[in-house]
Amino acid sequence: MAKRNKWSCGMRIWLENDGEVVLGRGRVALLEAIDEHHSIRQAAASVGMSYRRAWLLVKSMNDAAPQPVVEASTGGAKGGGTRLTPYGRSTVEIYRQLDAAVRQTTERFLKSL
């Protein structure tokens, strides 16, 4: 019986700045959840992560990136919240584009096997 030709390539893409990880699949999922919920706590819950882990990841991303990717505001009439900075939004978009391009390229090469 012949085996099916179902090649795949496992890979993980992450972006670093000066050797420090800024973005990867999990971090991008957290950032997108922050963008949706405007709360680190709610974002963490939505991606199945502890608040502490999420907070530490946000801090590490902000520390590693040339500009903050997330900013928080405190209290006030409408309450506090967390949001992606314009720089944060652009880094997520660039990561998504890069990830898609790498996957498309990989699929193109695997079709020739």
Protein backbone atom coordinates (compact mmCIF):
# COMPACT_ATOMS: atom_id res chain seq x y z
CA MET A 1 0.00 0.00 0.00
CA ALA A 2 1.44 3.37 -1.03
CA LYS A 3 1.81 6.12 1.53
CA ARG A 4 0.04 9.39 0.91
CA ASN A 5 2.08 12.43 -0.02
CA LYS A 6 1.11 14.69 2.91
CA TRP A 7 4.31 16.56 3.69
CA SER A 8 4.21 19.33 6.26
CA CYS A 9 6.77 21.54 7.91
CA GLY A 10 6.59 22.39 11.59
CA MET A 11 8.01 25.75 12.50
CA ARG A 12 7.69 28.56 14.96
CA ILE A 13 8.25 32.17 13.97
CA TRP A 14 9.29 34.77 16.49
CA LEU A 15 10.70 38.26 16.24
CA GLU A 16 13.59 39.46 18.34
CA ASN A 17 15.11 42.84 18.99
CA ASP A 18 18.78 42.77 19.96
CA GLY A 19 18.48 39.11 20.97
CA GLU A 20 15.34 39.53 23.11
CA VAL A 21 12.07 37.95 21.98
CA VAL A 22 9.38 40.53 21.30
CA LEU A 23 6.73 38.59 19.40
CA GLY A 24 5.76 35.00 18.81
CA ARG A 25 2.51 33.14 18.22
CA GLY A 26 1.41 33.16 21.88
CA ARG A 27 2.40 36.77 22.45
CA VAL A 28 0.53 37.87 19.35
CA ALA A 29 -2.57 35.98 20.52
CA LEU A 30 -2.31 37.79 23.86
CA LEU A 31 -1.90 41.17 22.14
CA GLU A 32 -4.93 40.53 19.93
CA ALA A 33 -6.94 39.57 23.01
CA ILE A 34 -5.82 42.75 24.78
CA ASP A 35 -6.93 44.70 21.72
CA GLU A 36 -10.33 43.02 21.92
CA HIS A 37 -10.91 43.17 25.70
CA HIS A 38 -8.88 46.28 26.68
CA SER A 39 -7.82 44.35 29.79
CA ILE A 40 -4.81 42.18 30.50
CA ARG A 41 -6.85 40.12 32.96
CA GLN A 42 -9.68 39.41 30.49
CA ALA A 43 -7.22 38.86 27.65
CA ALA A 44 -5.26 36.35 29.71
CA ALA A 45 -8.42 34.44 30.59
CA SER A 46 -9.53 34.36 26.95
CA VAL A 47 -6.26 32.75 25.82
CA GLY A 48 -6.03 30.40 28.80
CA MET A 49 -3.14 32.13 30.53
CA SER A 50 -2.69 33.31 34.09
CA TYR A 51 -2.84 37.05 34.71
CA ARG A 52 0.69 36.98 36.12
CA ARG A 53 2.08 35.26 33.02
CA ALA A 54 0.25 37.71 30.75
CA TRP A 55 1.47 40.71 32.73
CA LEU A 56 5.06 39.42 32.61
CA LEU A 57 4.82 38.85 28.85
CA VAL A 58 3.49 42.37 28.30
CA LYS A 59 6.30 43.79 30.40
CA SER A 60 8.93 41.75 28.53
CA MET A 61 7.52 42.83 25.15
CA ASN A 62 7.52 46.49 26.18
CA ASP A 63 11.05 46.17 27.56
CA ALA A 64 12.42 44.38 24.47
CA ALA A 65 10.73 46.48 21.76
CA PRO A 66 12.13 49.87 20.71
CA GLN A 67 8.77 51.40 21.67
CA PRO A 68 5.98 50.17 23.96
CA VAL A 69 3.54 47.77 22.30
CA VAL A 70 0.97 48.00 25.12
CA GLU A 71 -0.02 50.88 27.37
CA ALA A 72 -2.25 50.93 30.41
CA SER A 73 -4.34 53.72 31.83
CA THR A 74 -5.59 53.90 35.38
CA GLY A 75 -9.00 54.73 36.83
CA GLY A 76 -10.92 57.80 35.79
CA ALA A 77 -14.59 58.22 34.94
CA LYS A 78 -14.55 55.38 32.42
CA GLY A 79 -12.22 53.20 34.46
CA GLY A 80 -8.77 52.05 33.48
CA GLY A 81 -7.81 49.84 30.64
CA THR A 82 -5.07 48.48 28.48
CA ARG A 83 -4.61 49.03 24.78
CA LEU A 84 -2.16 48.37 22.02
CA THR A 85 -0.12 51.34 20.96
CA PRO A 86 -0.03 52.22 17.25
CA TYR A 87 3.43 50.65 17.23
CA GLY A 88 2.01 47.52 18.88
CA ARG A 89 -0.70 47.25 16.24
CA SER A 90 1.84 47.57 13.43
CA THR A 91 4.14 44.92 14.95
CA VAL A 92 1.22 42.47 15.22
CA GLU A 93 0.28 43.13 11.60
CA ILE A 94 3.87 42.69 10.40
CA TYR A 95 4.18 39.45 12.39
CA ARG A 96 0.94 38.13 10.82
CA GLN A 97 2.15 39.04 7.31
CA LEU A 98 5.55 37.44 7.89
CA ASP A 99 4.00 34.27 9.32
CA ALA A 100 1.63 33.97 6.35
CA ALA A 101 4.43 34.56 3.83
CA VAL A 102 6.66 31.90 5.42
CA ARG A 103 3.79 29.38 5.46
CA GLN A 104 2.91 30.09 1.82
CA THR A 105 6.54 29.70 0.78
CA THR A 106 6.82 26.44 2.71
CA GLU A 107 3.67 25.06 1.11
CA ARG A 108 4.99 25.96 -2.33
CA PHE A 109 8.22 24.03 -1.71
CA LEU A 110 6.46 21.03 -0.17
CA LYS A 111 4.20 20.64 -3.22
CA SER A 112 7.29 19.67 -5.21
CA LEU A 113 8.07 16.68 -2.96
